[in-house]
Amino acid sequence: MKQTGIVDRFEGDQVVVEVNGKMVNFPRADAPAMLAEGMVVILRDGRITEIDQIETQRIEDDMRRRFERILGKQTDE
Protein backbone atom coordinates (compact mmCIF):
# COMPACT_ATOMS: atom_id res chain seq x y z
CA MET A 1 0.00 0.00 0.00
CA LYS A 2 1.39 3.39 -1.03
CA GLN A 3 1.25 6.32 1.41
CA THR A 4 2.94 9.67 1.65
CA GLY A 5 4.42 11.45 4.64
CA ILE A 6 6.59 14.43 5.53
CA VAL A 7 9.97 14.05 7.20
CA ASP A 8 9.69 15.79 10.57
CA ARG A 9 13.15 15.16 12.02
CA PHE A 10 16.01 12.76 12.55
CA GLU A 11 16.61 11.12 15.92
CA GLY A 12 19.82 9.11 16.00
CA ASP A 13 19.43 6.26 13.54
CA GLN A 14 15.72 6.93 13.03
CA VAL A 15 13.78 9.13 10.59
CA VAL A 16 10.57 10.53 12.13
CA VAL A 17 7.88 10.97 9.47
CA GLU A 18 4.43 12.48 9.90
CA VAL A 19 1.93 10.12 8.28
CA ASN A 20 -1.77 10.97 8.51
CA GLY A 21 -1.17 13.19 11.53
CA LYS A 22 0.86 10.59 13.45
CA MET A 23 4.62 10.37 13.93
CA VAL A 24 6.14 7.14 12.65
CA ASN A 25 9.81 6.06 12.98
CA PHE A 26 11.74 4.45 10.14
CA PRO A 27 15.35 3.20 10.10
CA ARG A 28 17.62 5.90 8.69
CA ALA A 29 19.83 3.28 7.05
CA ASP A 30 16.94 2.16 4.80
CA ALA A 31 16.00 5.71 3.73
CA PRO A 32 17.21 7.52 0.59
CA ALA A 33 20.63 9.14 1.12
CA MET A 34 19.59 12.72 0.24
CA LEU A 35 16.65 12.80 2.67
CA ALA A 36 16.12 16.06 4.61
CA GLU A 37 13.57 17.53 7.00
CA GLY A 38 10.42 18.79 5.28
CA MET A 39 10.68 16.44 2.31
CA VAL A 40 7.63 14.52 1.13
CA VAL A 41 8.34 10.80 0.99
CA ILE A 42 6.55 7.84 -0.51
CA LEU A 43 6.06 4.87 1.80
CA ARG A 44 5.49 1.30 0.63
CA ASP A 45 5.42 -1.87 2.69
CA GLY A 46 6.43 -0.02 5.86
CA ARG A 47 9.53 1.59 4.28
CA ILE A 48 10.52 4.94 2.83
CA THR A 49 10.99 4.04 -0.82
CA GLU A 50 11.51 7.42 -2.50
CA ILE A 51 11.32 11.20 -2.25
CA ASP A 52 8.41 12.94 -3.98
CA GLN A 53 10.43 15.77 -5.52
CA ILE A 54 7.45 17.48 -7.18
CA GLU A 55 5.32 17.65 -4.02
CA THR A 56 8.33 18.67 -1.92
CA GLN A 57 9.06 21.55 -4.31
CA ARG A 58 5.39 22.61 -4.34
CA ILE A 59 5.33 22.82 -0.55
CA GLU A 60 8.66 24.71 -0.44
CA ASP A 61 7.39 27.23 -3.02
CA ASP A 62 4.13 27.70 -1.12
CA MET A 63 5.96 28.28 2.17
CA ARG A 64 8.35 30.75 0.51
CA ARG A 65 5.42 32.75 -0.93
CA ARG A 66 3.69 32.81 2.47
CA PHE A 67 6.87 33.96 4.21
CA GLU A 68 7.41 36.70 1.64
CA ARG A 69 3.81 37.89 2.10
CA ILE A 70 4.34 38.06 5.85
CA LEU A 71 7.43 40.18 5.32
CA GLY A 72 5.59 42.35 2.80
CA LYS A 73 7.86 41.47 -0.09
CA GLN A 74 6.67 41.16 -3.67
CA THR A 75 6.96 37.86 -5.48
CA ASP A 76 7.53 37.50 -9.18
CA GLU A 77 4.53 35.18 -9.58
PDB file of N, CA and C in Angstrom:
ATOM      1  N   MET A   1       0.838  -1.182   0.000  1.00  0.00           N
ATOM      2  CA  MET A   1       0.000   0.000   0.000  1.00  0.00           C
ATOM      3  C   MET A   1       0.888   1.253   0.000  1.00  0.00           C
ATOM      4  N   LYS A   2       0.594   2.167  -0.898  1.00  0.00           N
ATOM      5  CA  LYS A   2       1.387   3.389  -1.029  1.00  0.00           C
ATOM      6  C   LYS A   2       0.772   4.500  -0.168  1.00  0.00           C
ATOM      7  N   GLN A   3       1.639   5.170   0.590  1.00  0.00           N
ATOM      8  CA  GLN A   3       1.252   6.321   1.409  1.00  0.00           C
ATOM      9  C   GLN A   3       2.298   7.404   1.212  1.00  0.00           C
ATOM     10  N   THR A   4       1.951   8.604   1.635  1.00  0.00           N
ATOM     11  CA  THR A   4       2.943   9.670   1.652  1.00  0.00           C
ATOM     12  C   THR A   4       3.052  10.214   3.067  1.00  0.00           C
ATOM     13  N   GLY A   5       4.187  10.830   3.344  1.00  0.00           N
ATOM     14  CA  GLY A   5       4.422  11.454   4.641  1.00  0.00           C
ATOM     15  C   GLY A   5       5.432  12.571   4.469  1.00  0.00           C
ATOM     16  N   ILE A   6       5.626  13.328   5.537  1.00  0.00           N
ATOM     17  CA  ILE A   6       6.585  14.433   5.526  1.00  0.00           C
ATOM     18  C   ILE A   6       7.625  14.169   6.614  1.00  0.00           C
ATOM     19  N   VAL A   7       8.890  14.264   6.235  1.00  0.00           N
ATOM     20  CA  VAL A   7       9.970  14.055   7.202  1.00  0.00           C
ATOM     21  C   VAL A   7       9.928  15.184   8.227  1.00  0.00           C
ATOM     22  N   ASP A   8       9.757  14.815   9.484  1.00  0.00           N
ATOM     23  CA  ASP A   8       9.688  15.793  10.570  1.00  0.00           C
ATOM     24  C   ASP A   8      11.074  16.072  11.146  1.00  0.00           C
ATOM     25  N   ARG A   9      11.824  14.986  11.400  1.00  0.00           N
ATOM     26  CA  ARG A   9      13.150  15.165  12.015  1.00  0.00           C
ATOM     27  C   ARG A   9      13.909  13.844  11.981  1.00  0.00           C
ATOM     28  N   PHE A  10      15.161  13.935  12.398  1.00  0.00           N
ATOM     29  CA  PHE A  10      16.014  12.763  12.546  1.00  0.00           C
ATOM     30  C   PHE A  10      16.338  12.617  14.022  1.00  0.00           C
ATOM     31  N   GLU A  11      16.254  11.411  14.526  1.00  0.00           N
ATOM     32  CA  GLU A  11      16.613  11.117  15.917  1.00  0.00           C
ATOM     33  C   GLU A  11      17.544   9.913  15.902  1.00  0.00           C
ATOM     34  N   GLY A  12      18.844  10.192  16.032  1.00  0.00           N
ATOM     35  CA  GLY A  12      19.819   9.107  16.005  1.00  0.00           C
ATOM     36  C   GLY A  12      19.758   8.367  14.688  1.00  0.00           C
ATOM     37  N   ASP A  13      19.487   7.071  14.757  1.00  0.00           N
ATOM     38  CA  ASP A  13      19.433   6.261  13.544  1.00  0.00           C
ATOM     39  C   ASP A  13      18.004   6.096  13.014  1.00  0.00           C
ATOM     40  N   GLN A  14      17.115   6.981  13.452  1.00  0.00           N
ATOM     41  CA  GLN A  14      15.716   6.931  13.028  1.00  0.00           C
ATOM     42  C   GLN A  14      15.316   8.196  12.258  1.00  0.00           C
ATOM     43  N   VAL A  15      14.406   8.020  11.293  1.00  0.00           N
ATOM     44  CA  VAL A  15      13.776   9.135  10.592  1.00  0.00           C
ATOM     45  C   VAL A  15      12.351   9.194  11.110  1.00  0.00           C
ATOM     46  N   VAL A  16      11.931  10.360  11.621  1.00  0.00           N
ATOM     47  CA  VAL A  16      10.571  10.533  12.126  1.00  0.00           C
ATOM     48  C   VAL A  16       9.756  11.205  11.024  1.00  0.00           C
ATOM     49  N   VAL A  17       8.710  10.506  10.580  1.00  0.00           N
ATOM     50  CA  VAL A  17       7.883  10.966   9.471  1.00  0.00           C
ATOM     51  C   VAL A  17       6.449  11.140   9.958  1.00  0.00           C
ATOM     52  N   GLU A  18       5.842  12.274   9.587  1.00  0.00           N
ATOM     53  CA  GLU A  18       4.432  12.483   9.895  1.00  0.00           C
ATOM     54  C   GLU A  18       3.606  11.821   8.802  1.00  0.00           C
ATOM     55  N   VAL A  19       2.794  10.857   9.207  1.00  0.00           N
ATOM     56  CA  VAL A  19       1.933  10.122   8.283  1.00  0.00           C
ATOM     57  C   VAL A  19       0.510  10.201   8.824  1.00  0.00           C
ATOM     58  N   ASN A  20      -0.371  10.830   8.085  1.00  0.00           N
ATOM     59  CA  ASN A  20      -1.773  10.965   8.508  1.00  0.00           C
ATOM     60  C   ASN A  20      -1.903  11.530   9.920  1.00  0.00           C
ATOM     61  N   GLY A  21      -1.090  12.532  10.231  1.00  0.00           N
ATOM     62  CA  GLY A  21      -1.173  13.195  11.526  1.00  0.00           C
ATOM     63  C   GLY A  21      -0.469  12.478  12.668  1.00  0.00           C
ATOM     64  N   LYS A  22       0.154  11.339  12.408  1.00  0.00           N
ATOM     65  CA  LYS A  22       0.856  10.590  13.446  1.00  0.00           C
ATOM     66  C   LYS A  22       2.339  10.512  13.102  1.00  0.00           C
ATOM     67  N   MET A  23       3.182  10.492  14.118  1.00  0.00           N
ATOM     68  CA  MET A  23       4.617  10.374  13.928  1.00  0.00           C
ATOM     69  C   MET A  23       5.003   8.897  13.894  1.00  0.00           C
ATOM     70  N   VAL A  24       5.729   8.522  12.833  1.00  0.00           N
ATOM     71  CA  VAL A  24       6.138   7.136  12.645  1.00  0.00           C
ATOM     72  C   VAL A  24       7.654   7.118  12.436  1.00  0.00           C
ATOM     73  N   ASN A  25       8.349   6.194  13.097  1.00  0.00           N
ATOM     74  CA  ASN A  25       9.807   6.063  12.976  1.00  0.00           C
ATOM     75  C   ASN A  25      10.163   5.026  11.920  1.00  0.00           C
ATOM     76  N   PHE A  26      11.203   5.349  11.149  1.00  0.00           N
ATOM     77  CA  PHE A  26      11.742   4.446  10.144  1.00  0.00           C
ATOM     78  C   PHE A  26      13.252   4.398  10.314  1.00  0.00           C
ATOM     79  N   PRO A  27      13.889   3.269  10.018  1.00  0.00           N
ATOM     80  CA  PRO A  27      15.352   3.195  10.102  1.00  0.00           C
ATOM     81  C   PRO A  27      16.003   4.139   9.089  1.00  0.00           C
ATOM     82  N   ARG A  28      16.923   4.949   9.566  1.00  0.00           N
ATOM     83  CA  ARG A  28      17.619   5.901   8.693  1.00  0.00           C
ATOM     84  C   ARG A  28      18.449   5.177   7.636  1.00  0.00           C
ATOM     85  N   ALA A  29      18.992   4.033   7.978  1.00  0.00           N
ATOM     86  CA  ALA A  29      19.833   3.281   7.051  1.00  0.00           C
ATOM     87  C   ALA A  29      19.066   2.817   5.810  1.00  0.00           C
ATOM     88  N   ASP A  30      17.754   2.626   5.929  1.00  0.00           N
ATOM     89  CA  ASP A  30      16.941   2.164   4.802  1.00  0.00           C
ATOM     90  C   ASP A  30      16.378   3.309   3.964  1.00  0.00           C
ATOM     91  N   ALA A  31      16.571   4.550   4.414  1.00  0.00           N
ATOM     92  CA  ALA A  31      15.995   5.710   3.732  1.00  0.00           C
ATOM     93  C   ALA A  31      16.923   6.209   2.620  1.00  0.00           C
ATOM     94  N   PRO A  32      16.361   6.939   1.644  1.00  0.00           N
ATOM     95  CA  PRO A  32      17.212   7.521   0.595  1.00  0.00           C
ATOM     96  C   PRO A  32      18.294   8.417   1.191  1.00  0.00           C
ATOM     97  N   ALA A  33      19.463   8.431   0.588  1.00  0.00           N
ATOM     98  CA  ALA A  33      20.629   9.141   1.122  1.00  0.00           C
ATOM     99  C   ALA A  33      20.420  10.653   1.216  1.00  0.00           C
ATOM    100  N   MET A  34      19.724  11.265   0.294  1.00  0.00           N
ATOM    101  CA  MET A  34      19.590  12.718   0.245  1.00  0.00           C
ATOM    102  C   MET A  34      18.384  13.237   1.036  1.00  0.00           C
ATOM    103  N   LEU A  35      17.832  12.443   1.911  1.00  0.00           N
ATOM    104  CA  LEU A  35      16.648  12.804   2.675  1.00  0.00           C
ATOM    105  C   LEU A  35      16.929  13.963   3.626  1.00  0.00           C
ATOM    106  N   ALA A  36      15.974  14.905   3.717  1.00  0.00           N
ATOM    107  CA  ALA A  36      16.119  16.056   4.609  1.00  0.00           C
ATOM    108  C   ALA A  36      14.770  16.377   5.241  1.00  0.00           C
ATOM    109  N   GLU A  37      14.800  17.122   6.327  1.00  0.00           N
ATOM    110  CA  GLU A  37      13.573  17.530   6.998  1.00  0.00           C
ATOM    111  C   GLU A  37      12.690  18.323   6.038  1.00  0.00           C
ATOM    112  N   GLY A  38      11.381  18.077   6.112  1.00  0.00           N
ATOM    113  CA  GLY A  38      10.424  18.787   5.281  1.00  0.00           C
ATOM    114  C   GLY A  38      10.137  18.124   3.949  1.00  0.00           C
ATOM    115  N   MET A  39      10.901  17.110   3.588  1.00  0.00           N
ATOM    116  CA  MET A  39      10.675  16.440   2.308  1.00  0.00           C
ATOM    117  C   MET A  39       9.456  15.525   2.381  1.00  0.00           C
ATOM    118  N   VAL A  40       8.752  15.451   1.258  1.00  0.00           N
ATOM    119  CA  VAL A  40       7.628  14.525   1.132  1.00  0.00           C
ATOM    120  C   VAL A  40       8.202  13.195   0.652  1.00  0.00           C
ATOM    121  N   VAL A  41       7.831  12.126   1.341  1.00  0.00           N
ATOM    122  CA  VAL A  41       8.338  10.805   0.995  1.00  0.00           C
ATOM    123  C   VAL A  41       7.190   9.864   0.665  1.00  0.00           C
ATOM    124  N   ILE A  42       7.511   8.878  -0.153  1.00  0.00           N
ATOM    125  CA  ILE A  42       6.549   7.835  -0.506  1.00  0.00           C
ATOM    126  C   ILE A  42       6.903   6.601   0.299  1.00  0.00           C
ATOM    127  N   LEU A  43       5.891   6.039   0.932  1.00  0.00           N
ATOM    128  CA  LEU A  43       6.060   4.872   1.799  1.00  0.00           C
ATOM    129  C   LEU A  43       5.367   3.678   1.164  1.00  0.00           C
ATOM    130  N   ARG A  44       6.074   2.563   1.113  1.00  0.00           N
ATOM    131  CA  ARG A  44       5.492   1.302   0.629  1.00  0.00           C
ATOM    132  C   ARG A  44       5.978   0.181   1.527  1.00  0.00           C
ATOM    133  N   ASP A  45       5.068  -0.689   1.888  1.00  0.00           N
ATOM    134  CA  ASP A  45       5.416  -1.868   2.691  1.00  0.00           C
ATOM    135  C   ASP A  45       6.196  -1.507   3.954  1.00  0.00           C
ATOM    136  N   GLY A  46       5.805  -0.409   4.611  1.00  0.00           N
ATOM    137  CA  GLY A  46       6.433  -0.022   5.864  1.00  0.00           C
ATOM    138  C   GLY A  46       7.829   0.554   5.733  1.00  0.00           C
ATOM    139  N   ARG A  47       8.201   1.016   4.517  1.00  0.00           N
ATOM    140  CA  ARG A  47       9.534   1.586   4.279  1.00  0.00           C
ATOM    141  C   ARG A  47       9.417   2.877   3.493  1.00  0.00           C
ATOM    142  N   ILE A  48      10.411   3.752   3.669  1.00  0.00           N
ATOM    143  CA  ILE A  48      10.524   4.942   2.832  1.00  0.00           C
ATOM    144  C   ILE A  48      11.186   4.482   1.543  1.00  0.00           C
ATOM    145  N   THR A  49      10.446   4.560   0.420  1.00  0.00           N
ATOM    146  CA  THR A  49      10.994   4.043  -0.824  1.00  0.00           C
ATOM    147  C   THR A  49      11.557   5.127  -1.733  1.00  0.00           C
ATOM    148  N   GLU A  50      11.003   6.350  -1.641  1.00  0.00           N
ATOM    149  CA  GLU A  50      11.512   7.421  -2.497  1.00  0.00           C
ATOM    150  C   GLU A  50      11.057   8.781  -1.995  1.00  0.00           C
ATOM    151  N   ILE A  51      11.668   9.817  -2.549  1.00  0.00           N
ATOM    152  CA  ILE A  51      11.322  11.204  -2.248  1.00  0.00           C
ATOM    153  C   ILE A  51      10.417  11.704  -3.360  1.00  0.00           C
ATOM    154  N   ASP A  52       9.304  12.325  -2.992  1.00  0.00           N
ATOM    155  CA  ASP A  52       8.409  12.937  -3.977  1.00  0.00           C
ATOM    156  C   ASP A  52       8.918  14.353  -4.237  1.00  0.00           C
ATOM    157  N   GLN A  53       9.783  14.485  -5.228  1.00  0.00           N
ATOM    158  CA  GLN A  53      10.433  15.767  -5.517  1.00  0.00           C
ATOM    159  C   GLN A  53       9.425  16.845  -5.914  1.00  0.00           C
ATOM    160  N   ILE A  54       8.420  16.491  -6.695  1.00  0.00           N
ATOM    161  CA  ILE A  54       7.449  17.478  -7.179  1.00  0.00           C
ATOM    162  C   ILE A  54       6.635  18.045  -6.023  1.00  0.00           C
ATOM    163  N   GLU A  55       6.120  17.185  -5.160  1.00  0.00           N
ATOM    164  CA  GLU A  55       5.322  17.651  -4.021  1.00  0.00           C
ATOM    165  C   GLU A  55       6.191  18.408  -3.019  1.00  0.00           C
ATOM    166  N   THR A  56       7.421  17.959  -2.813  1.00  0.00           N
ATOM    167  CA  THR A  56       8.334  18.665  -1.919  1.00  0.00           C
ATOM    168  C   THR A  56       8.575  20.077  -2.428  1.00  0.00           C
ATOM    169  N   GLN A  57       8.822  20.228  -3.722  1.00  0.00           N
ATOM    170  CA  GLN A  57       9.064  21.551  -4.308  1.00  0.00           C
ATOM    171  C   GLN A  57       7.823  22.432  -4.217  1.00  0.00           C
ATOM    172  N   ARG A  58       6.637  21.843  -4.431  1.00  0.00           N
ATOM    173  CA  ARG A  58       5.393  22.608  -4.342  1.00  0.00           C
ATOM    174  C   ARG A  58       5.205  23.175  -2.933  1.00  0.00           C
ATOM    175  N   ILE A  59       5.462  22.367  -1.930  1.00  0.00           N
ATOM    176  CA  ILE A  59       5.329  22.817  -0.547  1.00  0.00           C
ATOM    177  C   ILE A  59       6.360  23.897  -0.228  1.00  0.00           C
ATOM    178  N   GLU A  60       7.608  23.701  -0.669  1.00  0.00           N
ATOM    179  CA  GLU A  60       8.656  24.707  -0.435  1.00  0.00           C
ATOM    180  C   GLU A  60       8.293  26.040  -1.085  1.00  0.00           C
ATOM    181  N   ASP A  61       7.792  26.001  -2.322  1.00  0.00           N
ATOM    182  CA  ASP A  61       7.390  27.231  -3.019  1.00  0.00           C
ATOM    183  C   ASP A  61       6.247  27.929  -2.302  1.00  0.00           C
ATOM    184  N   ASP A  62       5.270  27.141  -1.844  1.00  0.00           N
ATOM    185  CA  ASP A  62       4.131  27.702  -1.121  1.00  0.00           C
ATOM    186  C   ASP A  62       4.578  28.369   0.174  1.00  0.00           C
ATOM    187  N   MET A  63       5.469  27.715   0.906  1.00  0.00           N
ATOM    188  CA  MET A  63       5.964  28.279   2.167  1.00  0.00           C
ATOM    189  C   MET A  63       6.776  29.554   1.916  1.00  0.00           C
ATOM    190  N   ARG A  64       7.566  29.563   0.855  1.00  0.00           N
ATOM    191  CA  ARG A  64       8.353  30.752   0.509  1.00  0.00           C
ATOM    192  C   ARG A  64       7.426  31.934   0.201  1.00  0.00           C
ATOM    193  N   ARG A  65       6.375  31.681  -0.597  1.00  0.00           N
ATOM    194  CA  ARG A  65       5.421  32.752  -0.928  1.00  0.00           C
ATOM    195  C   ARG A  65       4.724  33.281   0.327  1.00  0.00           C
ATOM    196  N   ARG A  66       4.344  32.390   1.226  1.00  0.00           N
ATOM    197  CA  ARG A  66       3.689  32.814   2.474  1.00  0.00           C
ATOM    198  C   ARG A  66       4.631  33.666   3.316  1.00  0.00           C
ATOM    199  N   PHE A  67       5.875  33.221   3.418  1.00  0.00           N
ATOM    200  CA  PHE A  67       6.867  33.959   4.206  1.00  0.00           C
ATOM    201  C   PHE A  67       7.098  35.344   3.613  1.00  0.00           C
ATOM    202  N   GLU A  68       7.201  35.416   2.292  1.00  0.00           N
ATOM    203  CA  GLU A  68       7.413  36.703   1.639  1.00  0.00           C
ATOM    204  C   GLU A  68       6.212  37.627   1.845  1.00  0.00           C
ATOM    205  N   ARG A  69       5.003  37.070   1.832  1.00  0.00           N
ATOM    206  CA  ARG A  69       3.810  37.888   2.099  1.00  0.00           C
ATOM    207  C   ARG A  69       3.836  38.439   3.523  1.00  0.00           C
ATOM    208  N   ILE A  70       4.260  37.610   4.456  1.00  0.00           N
ATOM    209  CA  ILE A  70       4.338  38.059   5.852  1.00  0.00           C
ATOM    210  C   ILE A  70       5.313  39.223   5.974  1.00  0.00           C
ATOM    211  N   LEU A  71       6.417  39.121   5.267  1.00  0.00           N
ATOM    212  CA  LEU A  71       7.434  40.175   5.318  1.00  0.00           C
ATOM    213  C   LEU A  71       7.082  41.373   4.442  1.00  0.00           C
ATOM    214  N   GLY A  72       6.002  41.248   3.651  1.00  0.00           N
ATOM    215  CA  GLY A  72       5.592  42.346   2.800  1.00  0.00           C
ATOM    216  C   GLY A  72       6.402  42.473   1.532  1.00  0.00           C
ATOM    217  N   LYS A  73       7.060  41.424   1.122  1.00  0.00           N
ATOM    218  CA  LYS A  73       7.857  41.468  -0.093  1.00  0.00           C
ATOM    219  C   LYS A  73       6.995  41.033  -1.276  1.00  0.00           C
ATOM    220  N   GLN A  74       7.352  41.537  -2.443  1.00  0.00           N
ATOM    221  CA  GLN A  74       6.670  41.160  -3.672  1.00  0.00           C
ATOM    222  C   GLN A  74       7.286  39.881  -4.225  1.00  0.00           C
ATOM    223  N   THR A  75       6.454  39.032  -4.794  1.00  0.00           N
ATOM    224  CA  THR A  75       6.964  37.857  -5.479  1.00  0.00           C
ATOM    225  C   THR A  75       6.821  38.067  -6.970  1.00  0.00           C
ATOM    226  N   ASP A  76       7.575  37.348  -7.730  1.00  0.00           N
ATOM    227  CA  ASP A  76       7.531  37.499  -9.179  1.00  0.00           C
ATOM    228  C   ASP A  76       6.467  36.627  -9.826  1.00  0.00           C
ATOM    229  N   GLU A  77       5.585  36.034  -9.031  1.00  0.00           N
ATOM    230  CA  GLU A  77       4.533  35.184  -9.577  1.00  0.00           C
ATOM    231  C   GLU A  77       3.192  35.847  -9.420  1.00  0.00           C
TER     232      GLU A  77
END
